[in-house]
């Protein structure tokens, strides 16, 4: 009877509390080929929402002050972290020294023809490439994926299958989303656009950085 009571309490505790999207959600059994994504922003959002890393709740990070809105679903990959390994990989690829990871979960942009009207949702995506983005000396990779079973984009499994205009639109967003209308320079640089193989490698490195973060107890 005691074991049954303890088991019931354990199950009740699991389902009575919302899992933290960063720590409680797994990346998925088929990662890095197929990954769970936690979506924070949808293309109609005029406010930048971001996961609060302490509480696990979706918070308002800042209003989108200017006209540029994210053209794709945007979110993060659970149990990943842009730390030393992600930064070292970027330095190796770019030849730039003294870079550091941005200290956040890896970001992902997801293509779908479907209208998803709000963030704070989970979906499955296939990583197909990404942007090697640098922001004030921090490595801030943007993985690009397609939603699993999407009617239009679901079979576009390499970057060269995606219409170039969509990639350019996303690139323009990241190059300008922190800049005012009078800005003549940008602190953001997209050093390269990479393919599926590199996206998977960066996800694996992000997972290793996350495991080290958890073992260090510094979170």
N, C-alpha and C. Protein backbone atom coordinates (compact mmCIF):
# COMPACT_ATOMS: atom_id res chain seq x y z
N UNK A 1 0.84 -1.21 0.00
CA UNK A 1 0.00 0.00 0.00
C UNK A 1 0.87 1.26 0.00
N UNK A 2 1.97 1.23 0.79
CA UNK A 2 2.84 2.39 0.87
C UNK A 2 3.47 2.69 -0.48
N UNK A 3 3.88 1.63 -1.19
CA UNK A 3 4.48 1.85 -2.50
C UNK A 3 3.48 2.45 -3.48
N UNK A 4 2.23 1.98 -3.40
CA UNK A 4 1.18 2.53 -4.26
C UNK A 4 0.95 4.00 -3.97
N UNK A 5 0.96 4.36 -2.70
CA UNK A 5 0.76 5.76 -2.31
C UNK A 5 1.90 6.64 -2.80
N UNK A 6 3.13 6.15 -2.63
CA UNK A 6 4.28 6.91 -3.09
C UNK A 6 4.27 7.08 -4.60
N UNK A 7 3.87 6.02 -5.32
CA UNK A 7 3.82 6.08 -6.78
C UNK A 7 2.74 7.06 -7.23
N UNK A 8 1.58 7.03 -6.56
CA UNK A 8 0.51 7.96 -6.91
C UNK A 8 0.93 9.40 -6.66
N UNK A 9 1.64 9.65 -5.56
CA UNK A 9 2.10 10.99 -5.25
C UNK A 9 3.11 11.47 -6.30
N UNK A 10 3.98 10.56 -6.74
CA UNK A 10 4.98 10.93 -7.74
C UNK A 10 4.31 11.30 -9.05
N UNK A 11 3.31 10.51 -9.47
CA UNK A 11 2.61 10.78 -10.72
C UNK A 11 1.82 12.09 -10.61
N UNK A 12 1.16 12.29 -9.48
CA UNK A 12 0.39 13.52 -9.28
C UNK A 12 1.30 14.74 -9.33
N UNK A 13 2.47 14.63 -8.69
CA UNK A 13 3.41 15.75 -8.69
C UNK A 13 3.88 16.07 -10.09
N UNK A 14 4.09 15.05 -10.90
CA UNK A 14 4.58 15.25 -12.28
C UNK A 14 3.57 16.03 -13.10
N UNK A 15 2.30 15.70 -12.97
CA UNK A 15 1.29 16.28 -13.85
C UNK A 15 0.59 17.51 -13.26
N UNK A 16 0.84 17.82 -12.00
CA UNK A 16 0.24 19.00 -11.40
C UNK A 16 1.07 20.25 -11.63
N UNK A 17 2.30 20.08 -12.09
CA UNK A 17 3.20 21.22 -12.26
C UNK A 17 3.65 21.30 -13.71
N UNK A 18 3.66 22.52 -14.23
CA UNK A 18 4.10 22.73 -15.60
C UNK A 18 5.61 22.53 -15.69
N UNK A 19 6.04 21.78 -16.71
CA UNK A 19 7.45 21.56 -16.91
C UNK A 19 8.13 22.84 -17.40
N UNK A 20 9.34 23.06 -16.96
CA UNK A 20 10.13 24.18 -17.44
C UNK A 20 10.51 23.90 -18.89
N UNK A 21 10.19 24.78 -19.84
CA UNK A 21 10.45 24.48 -21.25
C UNK A 21 11.92 24.23 -21.58
N UNK A 22 12.82 24.88 -20.84
CA UNK A 22 14.24 24.70 -21.12
C UNK A 22 14.77 23.40 -20.53
N UNK A 23 14.38 23.10 -19.29
CA UNK A 23 14.95 21.96 -18.58
C UNK A 23 14.03 20.73 -18.56
N UNK A 24 12.74 20.96 -18.52
CA UNK A 24 11.81 19.84 -18.38
C UNK A 24 11.46 19.16 -19.68
N UNK A 25 11.58 19.89 -20.79
CA UNK A 25 11.28 19.34 -22.11
C UNK A 25 12.56 18.76 -22.70
N UNK A 26 12.49 17.56 -23.25
CA UNK A 26 13.67 16.98 -23.88
C UNK A 26 13.78 17.48 -25.32
N UNK A 27 14.97 17.33 -25.88
CA UNK A 27 15.19 17.70 -27.28
C UNK A 27 14.56 16.69 -28.22
N UNK A 28 14.25 15.51 -27.71
CA UNK A 28 13.56 14.49 -28.49
C UNK A 28 14.45 13.29 -28.81
N UNK A 29 13.86 12.11 -28.99
CA UNK A 29 14.64 10.88 -29.20
C UNK A 29 15.36 10.82 -30.54
N UNK A 30 14.96 11.65 -31.50
CA UNK A 30 15.59 11.63 -32.82
C UNK A 30 16.51 12.83 -33.05
N UNK A 31 16.79 13.58 -31.99
CA UNK A 31 17.69 14.74 -32.12
C UNK A 31 19.10 14.26 -32.50
N UNK A 32 19.84 15.02 -33.32
CA UNK A 32 19.52 16.36 -33.84
C UNK A 32 18.78 16.37 -35.18
N UNK A 33 18.41 15.17 -35.69
CA UNK A 33 17.73 15.14 -36.99
C UNK A 33 16.32 15.74 -36.91
N UNK A 34 15.61 15.43 -35.83
CA UNK A 34 14.30 16.01 -35.55
C UNK A 34 14.34 16.50 -34.11
N UNK A 35 13.90 17.73 -33.87
CA UNK A 35 14.03 18.32 -32.54
C UNK A 35 12.71 18.88 -32.05
N UNK A 36 12.53 18.82 -30.74
CA UNK A 36 11.45 19.57 -30.11
C UNK A 36 11.85 21.03 -30.04
N UNK A 37 10.92 21.91 -30.35
CA UNK A 37 11.16 23.35 -30.28
C UNK A 37 10.12 23.98 -29.37
N UNK A 38 10.56 24.93 -28.58
CA UNK A 38 9.64 25.75 -27.80
C UNK A 38 9.54 27.10 -28.49
N UNK A 39 8.36 27.42 -29.01
CA UNK A 39 8.16 28.64 -29.80
C UNK A 39 7.80 29.80 -28.88
N UNK A 40 8.56 30.90 -29.02
CA UNK A 40 8.34 32.09 -28.22
C UNK A 40 7.63 33.20 -29.00
N UNK A 41 7.94 33.33 -30.29
CA UNK A 41 7.44 34.43 -31.10
C UNK A 41 6.84 33.89 -32.38
N UNK A 42 5.73 34.49 -32.80
CA UNK A 42 5.13 34.18 -34.10
C UNK A 42 5.20 35.44 -34.97
N UNK A 43 5.05 35.32 -36.29
CA UNK A 43 5.27 36.47 -37.18
C UNK A 43 4.37 37.68 -36.95
N UNK A 44 3.25 37.51 -36.26
CA UNK A 44 2.36 38.65 -36.02
C UNK A 44 2.66 39.39 -34.72
N UNK A 45 3.62 38.91 -33.94
CA UNK A 45 3.90 39.53 -32.65
C UNK A 45 4.60 40.87 -32.81
N UNK A 46 4.05 41.91 -32.20
CA UNK A 46 4.69 43.22 -32.19
C UNK A 46 5.45 43.44 -30.88
N UNK A 47 5.49 42.42 -30.05
CA UNK A 47 6.27 42.41 -28.82
C UNK A 47 7.22 41.23 -28.89
N UNK A 48 8.46 41.41 -28.46
CA UNK A 48 9.40 40.29 -28.42
C UNK A 48 9.21 39.57 -27.10
N UNK A 49 8.70 38.35 -27.19
CA UNK A 49 8.57 37.50 -26.02
C UNK A 49 9.81 36.63 -25.89
N UNK A 50 10.14 36.28 -24.67
CA UNK A 50 11.32 35.46 -24.43
C UNK A 50 11.09 34.61 -23.19
N UNK A 51 11.62 33.40 -23.22
CA UNK A 51 11.50 32.53 -22.06
C UNK A 51 12.27 33.11 -20.89
N UNK A 52 11.61 33.25 -19.75
CA UNK A 52 12.30 33.63 -18.52
C UNK A 52 13.01 32.40 -17.98
N UNK A 53 14.33 32.43 -17.97
CA UNK A 53 15.10 31.22 -17.67
C UNK A 53 14.91 30.75 -16.23
N UNK A 54 14.59 31.66 -15.33
CA UNK A 54 14.42 31.26 -13.93
C UNK A 54 13.07 30.59 -13.69
N UNK A 55 12.00 31.22 -14.16
CA UNK A 55 10.65 30.72 -13.86
C UNK A 55 10.12 29.72 -14.89
N UNK A 56 10.61 29.81 -16.12
CA UNK A 56 10.05 28.98 -17.19
C UNK A 56 8.82 29.57 -17.83
N UNK A 57 8.46 30.80 -17.45
CA UNK A 57 7.31 31.47 -18.04
C UNK A 57 7.76 32.33 -19.21
N UNK A 58 6.83 32.58 -20.12
CA UNK A 58 7.10 33.44 -21.26
C UNK A 58 6.91 34.89 -20.82
N UNK A 59 7.95 35.70 -21.01
CA UNK A 59 7.88 37.08 -20.54
C UNK A 59 8.01 38.05 -21.71
N UNK A 60 7.59 39.29 -21.49
CA UNK A 60 7.80 40.35 -22.46
C UNK A 60 9.24 40.82 -22.30
N UNK A 61 10.03 40.63 -23.36
CA UNK A 61 11.42 41.09 -23.34
C UNK A 61 11.49 42.57 -23.70
N UNK A 62 10.82 42.94 -24.79
CA UNK A 62 10.77 44.34 -25.19
C UNK A 62 9.75 44.50 -26.31
N UNK A 63 9.18 45.68 -26.48
CA UNK A 63 8.35 45.92 -27.66
C UNK A 63 9.21 45.92 -28.91
N UNK A 64 8.65 45.48 -30.03
CA UNK A 64 9.34 45.63 -31.31
C UNK A 64 9.18 47.10 -31.72
N UNK A 65 10.21 47.90 -31.51
CA UNK A 65 10.08 49.35 -31.65
C UNK A 65 9.90 49.80 -33.09
N UNK A 66 10.42 49.00 -34.01
CA UNK A 66 10.42 49.45 -35.40
C UNK A 66 9.59 48.47 -36.24
N UNK A 67 9.61 48.65 -37.54
CA UNK A 67 8.66 47.95 -38.41
C UNK A 67 9.04 46.51 -38.71
N UNK A 68 10.27 46.11 -38.39
CA UNK A 68 10.74 44.77 -38.74
C UNK A 68 10.19 43.74 -37.77
N UNK A 69 9.44 42.77 -38.27
CA UNK A 69 8.87 41.69 -37.47
C UNK A 69 9.47 40.37 -37.93
N UNK A 70 9.64 39.45 -37.01
CA UNK A 70 10.25 38.16 -37.35
C UNK A 70 9.37 37.43 -38.36
N UNK A 71 9.91 37.04 -39.52
CA UNK A 71 9.06 36.45 -40.56
C UNK A 71 8.77 34.96 -40.38
N UNK A 72 9.32 34.35 -39.35
CA UNK A 72 9.11 32.92 -39.12
C UNK A 72 8.82 32.68 -37.64
N UNK A 73 8.35 31.49 -37.32
CA UNK A 73 8.25 31.09 -35.92
C UNK A 73 9.66 31.11 -35.33
N UNK A 74 9.76 31.59 -34.09
CA UNK A 74 11.07 31.77 -33.49
C UNK A 74 11.01 31.26 -32.05
N UNK A 75 12.00 30.47 -31.69
CA UNK A 75 12.00 29.95 -30.34
C UNK A 75 13.35 29.37 -29.97
N UNK A 76 13.33 28.40 -29.05
CA UNK A 76 14.59 27.87 -28.55
C UNK A 76 14.55 26.35 -28.50
N UNK A 77 15.73 25.76 -28.42
CA UNK A 77 15.88 24.31 -28.35
C UNK A 77 16.14 23.91 -26.91
N UNK A 78 15.26 23.09 -26.32
CA UNK A 78 15.42 22.72 -24.91
C UNK A 78 16.71 21.94 -24.67
N UNK A 79 17.22 22.10 -23.47
CA UNK A 79 18.42 21.41 -23.01
C UNK A 79 19.61 21.62 -23.94
N UNK A 80 19.70 22.84 -24.47
CA UNK A 80 20.90 23.28 -25.19
C UNK A 80 21.38 24.57 -24.56
N UNK A 81 22.63 24.93 -24.85
CA UNK A 81 23.22 26.13 -24.26
C UNK A 81 24.38 26.59 -25.14
N UNK A 82 24.44 27.87 -25.42
CA UNK A 82 25.56 28.42 -26.20
C UNK A 82 26.68 28.78 -25.23
N UNK A 83 27.57 27.81 -25.05
CA UNK A 83 28.69 28.00 -24.13
C UNK A 83 30.02 27.88 -24.84
N UNK A 84 30.99 27.28 -24.14
CA UNK A 84 32.36 27.24 -24.65
C UNK A 84 32.50 26.44 -25.94
N UNK A 85 31.82 25.31 -26.03
CA UNK A 85 31.97 24.46 -27.22
C UNK A 85 31.38 25.13 -28.46
N UNK A 86 30.21 25.73 -28.30
CA UNK A 86 29.59 26.45 -29.42
C UNK A 86 30.49 27.60 -29.85
N UNK A 87 31.06 28.32 -28.90
CA UNK A 87 31.94 29.44 -29.22
C UNK A 87 33.22 28.96 -29.90
N UNK A 88 33.81 27.89 -29.40
CA UNK A 88 35.04 27.37 -29.99
C UNK A 88 34.81 26.92 -31.43
N UNK A 89 33.67 26.31 -31.69
CA UNK A 89 33.35 25.89 -33.05
C UNK A 89 33.25 27.10 -33.97
N UNK A 90 32.61 28.15 -33.50
CA UNK A 90 32.47 29.36 -34.30
C UNK A 90 33.83 30.00 -34.56
N UNK A 91 34.68 30.05 -33.55
CA UNK A 91 36.02 30.62 -33.74
C UNK A 91 36.82 29.82 -34.75
N UNK A 92 36.68 28.52 -34.71
CA UNK A 92 37.38 27.67 -35.67
C UNK A 92 36.90 27.95 -37.09
N UNK A 93 35.61 28.14 -37.26
CA UNK A 93 35.04 28.34 -38.59
C UNK A 93 35.32 29.75 -39.13
N UNK A 94 35.35 30.74 -38.26
CA UNK A 94 35.48 32.13 -38.71
C UNK A 94 36.90 32.67 -38.64
N UNK A 95 37.74 32.04 -37.80
CA UNK A 95 39.07 32.58 -37.57
C UNK A 95 39.08 33.79 -36.66
N UNK A 96 37.94 34.10 -36.04
CA UNK A 96 37.83 35.23 -35.11
C UNK A 96 38.10 34.72 -33.70
N UNK A 97 38.93 35.42 -32.95
CA UNK A 97 39.26 34.98 -31.59
C UNK A 97 38.43 35.73 -30.56
N UNK A 98 38.51 35.25 -29.34
CA UNK A 98 37.89 35.91 -28.17
C UNK A 98 36.37 35.98 -28.26
N UNK A 99 35.75 35.03 -28.94
CA UNK A 99 34.29 34.97 -28.95
C UNK A 99 33.80 34.14 -27.77
N UNK A 100 32.60 34.43 -27.31
CA UNK A 100 31.97 33.65 -26.24
C UNK A 100 30.55 33.31 -26.67
N UNK A 101 30.03 32.23 -26.13
CA UNK A 101 28.62 31.93 -26.35
C UNK A 101 27.75 32.96 -25.66
N UNK A 102 26.54 33.14 -26.15
CA UNK A 102 25.68 34.20 -25.58
C UNK A 102 25.01 33.80 -24.28
N UNK A 103 25.23 32.55 -23.83
CA UNK A 103 24.71 32.15 -22.53
C UNK A 103 23.23 31.85 -22.50
N UNK A 104 22.64 31.60 -23.67
CA UNK A 104 21.22 31.27 -23.78
C UNK A 104 21.06 29.91 -24.45
N UNK A 105 19.85 29.33 -24.39
CA UNK A 105 19.58 28.16 -25.22
C UNK A 105 19.76 28.51 -26.69
N UNK A 106 20.05 27.52 -27.52
CA UNK A 106 20.16 27.75 -28.95
C UNK A 106 18.82 28.20 -29.52
N UNK A 107 18.87 29.17 -30.42
CA UNK A 107 17.67 29.68 -31.08
C UNK A 107 17.35 28.88 -32.33
N UNK A 108 16.08 28.81 -32.67
CA UNK A 108 15.66 28.16 -33.91
C UNK A 108 14.53 28.95 -34.56
N UNK A 109 14.59 29.06 -35.88
CA UNK A 109 13.54 29.67 -36.69
C UNK A 109 12.90 28.54 -37.49
N UNK A 110 11.57 28.47 -37.49
CA UNK A 110 10.88 27.34 -38.10
C UNK A 110 9.95 27.81 -39.21
N UNK A 111 10.12 27.21 -40.38
CA UNK A 111 9.27 27.49 -41.53
C UNK A 111 8.05 26.59 -41.52
N UNK A 112 6.89 27.18 -41.73
CA UNK A 112 5.65 26.42 -41.88
C UNK A 112 4.66 27.27 -42.66
N UNK A 113 3.80 26.61 -43.41
CA UNK A 113 2.73 27.34 -44.10
C UNK A 113 1.55 27.58 -43.18
N UNK A 114 1.54 26.89 -42.05
CA UNK A 114 0.40 26.97 -41.14
C UNK A 114 0.47 28.24 -40.28
N UNK A 115 -0.69 28.74 -39.93
CA UNK A 115 -0.78 29.92 -39.08
C UNK A 115 -0.84 29.49 -37.62
N UNK A 116 0.19 29.81 -36.89
CA UNK A 116 0.21 29.59 -35.44
C UNK A 116 0.13 30.96 -34.80
N UNK A 117 -0.91 31.19 -34.04
CA UNK A 117 -1.26 32.57 -33.66
C UNK A 117 -0.59 33.04 -32.38
N UNK A 118 0.06 32.16 -31.67
CA UNK A 118 0.69 32.59 -30.41
C UNK A 118 1.88 31.69 -30.10
N UNK A 119 2.76 32.22 -29.26
CA UNK A 119 3.87 31.44 -28.78
C UNK A 119 3.48 30.58 -27.59
N UNK A 120 4.48 30.08 -26.85
CA UNK A 120 4.28 29.18 -25.72
C UNK A 120 3.69 27.86 -26.20
N UNK A 121 4.19 27.38 -27.35
CA UNK A 121 3.77 26.09 -27.88
C UNK A 121 5.02 25.28 -28.22
N UNK A 122 4.83 23.96 -28.31
CA UNK A 122 5.90 23.04 -28.66
C UNK A 122 5.59 22.44 -30.02
N UNK A 123 6.61 22.31 -30.86
CA UNK A 123 6.42 21.62 -32.13
C UNK A 123 7.70 20.87 -32.49
N UNK A 124 7.57 19.95 -33.45
CA UNK A 124 8.71 19.20 -33.96
C UNK A 124 9.20 19.82 -35.26
N UNK A 125 10.51 19.97 -35.38
CA UNK A 125 11.09 20.55 -36.58
C UNK A 125 12.32 19.77 -37.01
N UNK A 126 12.63 19.89 -38.30
CA UNK A 126 13.81 19.27 -38.88
C UNK A 126 14.83 20.38 -39.16
N UNK A 127 15.94 20.42 -38.46
CA UNK A 127 16.96 21.43 -38.75
C UNK A 127 17.56 21.21 -40.14
N UNK A 128 17.64 22.29 -40.92
CA UNK A 128 18.16 22.18 -42.29
C UNK A 128 19.35 23.11 -42.52
N UNK A 129 19.72 23.94 -41.56
CA UNK A 129 20.82 24.87 -41.72
C UNK A 129 20.78 25.93 -40.65
N UNK A 130 21.43 27.06 -40.93
CA UNK A 130 21.39 28.13 -39.95
C UNK A 130 22.26 29.30 -40.32
N UNK A 131 22.18 30.35 -39.48
CA UNK A 131 23.01 31.54 -39.60
C UNK A 131 24.07 31.52 -38.50
N UNK A 132 25.32 31.77 -38.89
CA UNK A 132 26.39 31.95 -37.89
C UNK A 132 26.40 33.43 -37.52
N UNK A 133 25.63 33.75 -36.50
CA UNK A 133 25.39 35.14 -36.14
C UNK A 133 26.27 35.55 -34.97
N UNK A 134 26.90 36.72 -35.11
CA UNK A 134 27.73 37.30 -34.06
C UNK A 134 27.12 38.62 -33.63
N UNK A 135 27.04 38.82 -32.32
CA UNK A 135 26.44 40.04 -31.77
C UNK A 135 27.32 40.55 -30.65
N UNK A 136 28.10 41.60 -30.95
CA UNK A 136 28.99 42.21 -29.96
C UNK A 136 29.94 41.19 -29.33
N UNK A 137 30.53 40.34 -30.16
CA UNK A 137 31.49 39.36 -29.68
C UNK A 137 30.88 38.10 -29.09
N UNK A 138 29.56 37.99 -29.15
CA UNK A 138 28.88 36.79 -28.65
C UNK A 138 28.38 35.95 -29.81
N UNK A 139 28.50 34.64 -29.67
CA UNK A 139 28.02 33.70 -30.68
C UNK A 139 26.54 33.43 -30.42
N UNK A 140 25.72 33.68 -31.42
CA UNK A 140 24.26 33.61 -31.26
C UNK A 140 23.66 32.91 -32.49
N UNK A 141 24.05 31.65 -32.70
CA UNK A 141 23.59 30.91 -33.88
C UNK A 141 22.07 30.88 -33.96
N UNK A 142 21.57 30.98 -35.19
CA UNK A 142 20.15 30.87 -35.46
C UNK A 142 19.95 29.63 -36.34
N UNK A 143 19.54 28.54 -35.72
CA UNK A 143 19.24 27.33 -36.47
C UNK A 143 17.96 27.57 -37.28
N UNK A 144 17.91 27.05 -38.50
CA UNK A 144 16.72 27.15 -39.35
C UNK A 144 16.18 25.74 -39.57
N UNK A 145 14.87 25.59 -39.39
CA UNK A 145 14.25 24.29 -39.56
C UNK A 145 12.91 24.39 -40.27
N UNK A 146 12.38 23.25 -40.63
CA UNK A 146 11.04 23.16 -41.21
C UNK A 146 10.18 22.30 -40.29
N UNK A 147 8.92 22.67 -40.15
CA UNK A 147 8.04 21.92 -39.27
C UNK A 147 7.78 20.53 -39.86
N UNK A 148 7.83 19.53 -39.02
CA UNK A 148 7.60 18.15 -39.45
C UNK A 148 6.20 18.02 -40.06
N UNK A 149 6.13 17.38 -41.22
CA UNK A 149 4.88 17.10 -41.94
C UNK A 149 4.19 18.34 -42.49
N UNK A 150 4.91 19.47 -42.55
CA UNK A 150 4.31 20.66 -43.15
C UNK A 150 4.06 20.41 -44.63
N UNK A 151 2.88 20.77 -45.12
CA UNK A 151 2.48 20.46 -46.48
C UNK A 151 3.38 21.14 -47.51
N UNK A 152 3.79 22.37 -47.24
CA UNK A 152 4.60 23.12 -48.20
C UNK A 152 6.09 22.95 -47.95
N UNK A 153 6.53 23.10 -46.69
CA UNK A 153 7.95 23.11 -46.39
C UNK A 153 8.49 21.78 -45.88
N UNK A 154 7.63 20.84 -45.56
CA UNK A 154 8.05 19.61 -44.90
C UNK A 154 9.05 18.78 -45.67
N UNK A 155 9.06 18.89 -47.00
CA UNK A 155 10.01 18.12 -47.82
C UNK A 155 11.21 18.95 -48.26
N UNK A 156 11.29 20.20 -47.81
CA UNK A 156 12.44 21.04 -48.16
C UNK A 156 13.52 20.85 -47.10
N UNK A 157 14.33 19.82 -47.27
CA UNK A 157 15.20 19.37 -46.20
C UNK A 157 16.64 19.87 -46.32
N UNK A 158 16.88 20.76 -47.26
CA UNK A 158 18.19 21.41 -47.38
C UNK A 158 17.97 22.90 -47.64
N UNK A 159 18.97 23.70 -47.30
CA UNK A 159 18.83 25.15 -47.43
C UNK A 159 18.60 25.58 -48.87
N UNK A 160 19.17 24.85 -49.83
CA UNK A 160 19.01 25.27 -51.22
C UNK A 160 17.62 25.00 -51.77
N UNK A 161 16.79 24.29 -51.00
CA UNK A 161 15.40 24.07 -51.42
C UNK A 161 14.48 25.22 -50.98
N UNK A 162 14.93 26.01 -50.02
CA UNK A 162 14.11 27.11 -49.51
C UNK A 162 14.21 28.29 -50.46
N UNK A 163 13.08 28.93 -50.81
CA UNK A 163 13.15 30.11 -51.68
C UNK A 163 14.13 31.14 -51.13
N UNK A 164 15.10 31.59 -51.93
CA UNK A 164 16.10 32.55 -51.45
C UNK A 164 15.49 33.80 -50.83
N UNK A 165 14.34 34.24 -51.33
CA UNK A 165 13.71 35.45 -50.79
C UNK A 165 13.35 35.28 -49.31
N UNK A 166 12.96 34.09 -48.90
CA UNK A 166 12.62 33.86 -47.50
C UNK A 166 13.86 33.92 -46.62
N UNK A 167 14.96 33.36 -47.12
CA UNK A 167 16.21 33.42 -46.36
C UNK A 167 16.69 34.86 -46.25
N UNK A 168 16.57 35.62 -47.34
CA UNK A 168 16.97 37.02 -47.31
C UNK A 168 16.10 37.84 -46.35
N UNK A 169 14.83 37.52 -46.32
CA UNK A 169 13.92 38.23 -45.41
C UNK A 169 14.31 37.98 -43.96
N UNK A 170 14.64 36.72 -43.64
CA UNK A 170 15.05 36.38 -42.29
C UNK A 170 16.40 37.03 -41.96
N UNK A 171 17.30 36.99 -42.93
CA UNK A 171 18.61 37.62 -42.74
C UNK A 171 18.46 39.11 -42.47
N UNK A 172 17.60 39.78 -43.23
CA UNK A 172 17.38 41.22 -43.04
C UNK A 172 16.82 41.49 -41.64
N UNK A 173 15.92 40.64 -41.18
CA UNK A 173 15.36 40.83 -39.84
C UNK A 173 16.46 40.83 -38.78
N UNK A 174 17.35 39.84 -38.81
CA UNK A 174 18.37 39.75 -37.78
C UNK A 174 19.42 40.86 -37.92
N UNK A 175 19.63 41.35 -39.12
CA UNK A 175 20.60 42.42 -39.31
C UNK A 175 20.06 43.77 -38.86
N UNK A 176 18.75 43.92 -38.74
CA UNK A 176 18.16 45.23 -38.46
C UNK A 176 17.29 45.28 -37.21
N UNK A 177 16.99 44.14 -36.57
CA UNK A 177 15.95 44.14 -35.54
C UNK A 177 16.32 44.91 -34.27
N UNK A 178 17.61 45.21 -34.10
CA UNK A 178 18.02 46.00 -32.94
C UNK A 178 18.41 47.43 -33.32
N UNK A 179 18.24 47.77 -34.59
CA UNK A 179 18.71 49.06 -35.08
C UNK A 179 17.57 50.03 -35.30
N UNK A 180 17.80 51.30 -34.97
CA UNK A 180 16.83 52.34 -35.23
C UNK A 180 16.91 52.82 -36.67
N UNK A 181 15.97 53.62 -37.09
CA UNK A 181 15.92 54.07 -38.48
C UNK A 181 17.10 54.93 -38.90
N UNK A 182 17.81 55.53 -37.93
CA UNK A 182 18.95 56.39 -38.27
C UNK A 182 20.29 55.66 -38.15
N UNK A 183 20.25 54.37 -37.85
CA UNK A 183 21.50 53.63 -37.66
C UNK A 183 22.25 53.49 -38.98
N UNK A 184 23.55 53.71 -38.92
CA UNK A 184 24.41 53.54 -40.11
C UNK A 184 25.30 52.32 -39.99
N UNK A 185 25.39 51.75 -38.79
CA UNK A 185 26.17 50.53 -38.59
C UNK A 185 25.34 49.55 -37.76
N UNK A 186 25.77 48.31 -37.76
CA UNK A 186 25.08 47.27 -37.00
C UNK A 186 26.09 46.50 -36.18
N UNK A 187 25.70 46.16 -34.95
CA UNK A 187 26.55 45.33 -34.11
C UNK A 187 26.36 43.84 -34.43
N UNK A 188 25.43 43.54 -35.30
CA UNK A 188 25.13 42.16 -35.65
C UNK A 188 25.80 41.82 -36.97
N UNK A 189 26.43 40.64 -37.02
CA UNK A 189 27.06 40.16 -38.25
C UNK A 189 26.64 38.71 -38.49
N UNK A 190 26.24 38.42 -39.70
CA UNK A 190 26.00 37.03 -40.09
C UNK A 190 27.23 36.58 -40.86
N UNK A 191 28.08 35.82 -40.19
CA UNK A 191 29.37 35.44 -40.76
C UNK A 191 29.25 34.38 -41.83
N UNK A 192 28.20 33.57 -41.77
CA UNK A 192 28.01 32.51 -42.77
C UNK A 192 26.59 31.98 -42.67
N UNK A 193 26.14 31.38 -43.75
CA UNK A 193 24.91 30.58 -43.77
C UNK A 193 25.34 29.14 -43.99
N UNK A 194 25.01 28.26 -43.07
CA UNK A 194 25.52 26.90 -43.15
C UNK A 194 24.41 25.89 -43.40
N UNK A 195 24.81 24.65 -43.63
CA UNK A 195 23.89 23.61 -44.07
C UNK A 195 23.44 22.72 -42.91
N UNK A 196 22.71 21.68 -43.27
CA UNK A 196 22.13 20.77 -42.27
C UNK A 196 23.20 20.11 -41.40
N UNK A 197 24.29 19.68 -42.02
CA UNK A 197 25.32 18.98 -41.25
C UNK A 197 25.89 19.87 -40.14
N UNK A 198 26.17 21.11 -40.48
CA UNK A 198 26.68 22.02 -39.45
C UNK A 198 25.62 22.34 -38.41
N UNK A 199 24.38 22.48 -38.82
CA UNK A 199 23.30 22.73 -37.85
C UNK A 199 23.23 21.61 -36.83
N UNK A 200 23.31 20.37 -37.30
CA UNK A 200 23.27 19.23 -36.39
C UNK A 200 24.48 19.22 -35.47
N UNK A 201 25.65 19.57 -36.01
CA UNK A 201 26.87 19.61 -35.19
C UNK A 201 26.75 20.67 -34.09
N UNK A 202 26.22 21.83 -34.44
CA UNK A 202 26.07 22.90 -33.45
C UNK A 202 25.05 22.51 -32.39
N UNK A 203 23.98 21.84 -32.79
CA UNK A 203 23.01 21.35 -31.79
C UNK A 203 23.67 20.37 -30.84
N UNK A 204 24.47 19.45 -31.37
CA UNK A 204 25.18 18.49 -30.50
C UNK A 204 26.12 19.22 -29.53
N UNK A 205 26.81 20.23 -30.02
CA UNK A 205 27.70 21.00 -29.15
C UNK A 205 26.91 21.76 -28.10
N UNK A 206 25.75 22.29 -28.50
CA UNK A 206 24.88 22.97 -27.56
C UNK A 206 24.38 22.04 -26.46
N UNK A 207 24.11 20.80 -26.83
CA UNK A 207 23.69 19.81 -25.83
C UNK A 207 24.83 19.52 -24.85
N UNK A 208 26.06 19.41 -25.37
CA UNK A 208 27.21 19.17 -24.51
C UNK A 208 27.46 20.36 -23.58
N UNK A 209 27.32 21.57 -24.11
CA UNK A 209 27.46 22.76 -23.26
C UNK A 209 26.39 22.79 -22.18
N UNK A 210 25.19 22.36 -22.51
CA UNK A 210 24.11 22.33 -21.51
C UNK A 210 24.43 21.33 -20.40
N UNK A 211 24.90 20.14 -20.78
CA UNK A 211 25.23 19.14 -19.76
C UNK A 211 26.32 19.66 -18.83
N UNK A 212 27.31 20.33 -19.40
CA UNK A 212 28.38 20.90 -18.56
C UNK A 212 27.82 21.97 -17.63
N UNK A 213 26.92 22.79 -18.15
CA UNK A 213 26.30 23.82 -17.32
C UNK A 213 25.57 23.20 -16.14
N UNK A 214 24.85 22.14 -16.38
CA UNK A 214 24.10 21.48 -15.31
C UNK A 214 25.03 20.86 -14.28
N UNK A 215 26.12 20.26 -14.76
CA UNK A 215 27.08 19.63 -13.85
C UNK A 215 27.82 20.66 -13.01
N UNK A 216 28.01 21.84 -13.58
CA UNK A 216 28.76 22.88 -12.87
C UNK A 216 27.97 23.48 -11.72
N UNK A 217 26.64 23.40 -11.81
CA UNK A 217 25.80 23.97 -10.76
C UNK A 217 25.81 25.48 -10.71
N UNK A 218 26.22 26.11 -11.84
CA UNK A 218 26.31 27.58 -11.86
C UNK A 218 25.05 28.24 -12.35
N UNK A 219 24.05 27.48 -12.78
CA UNK A 219 22.83 28.07 -13.32
C UNK A 219 22.05 28.78 -12.22
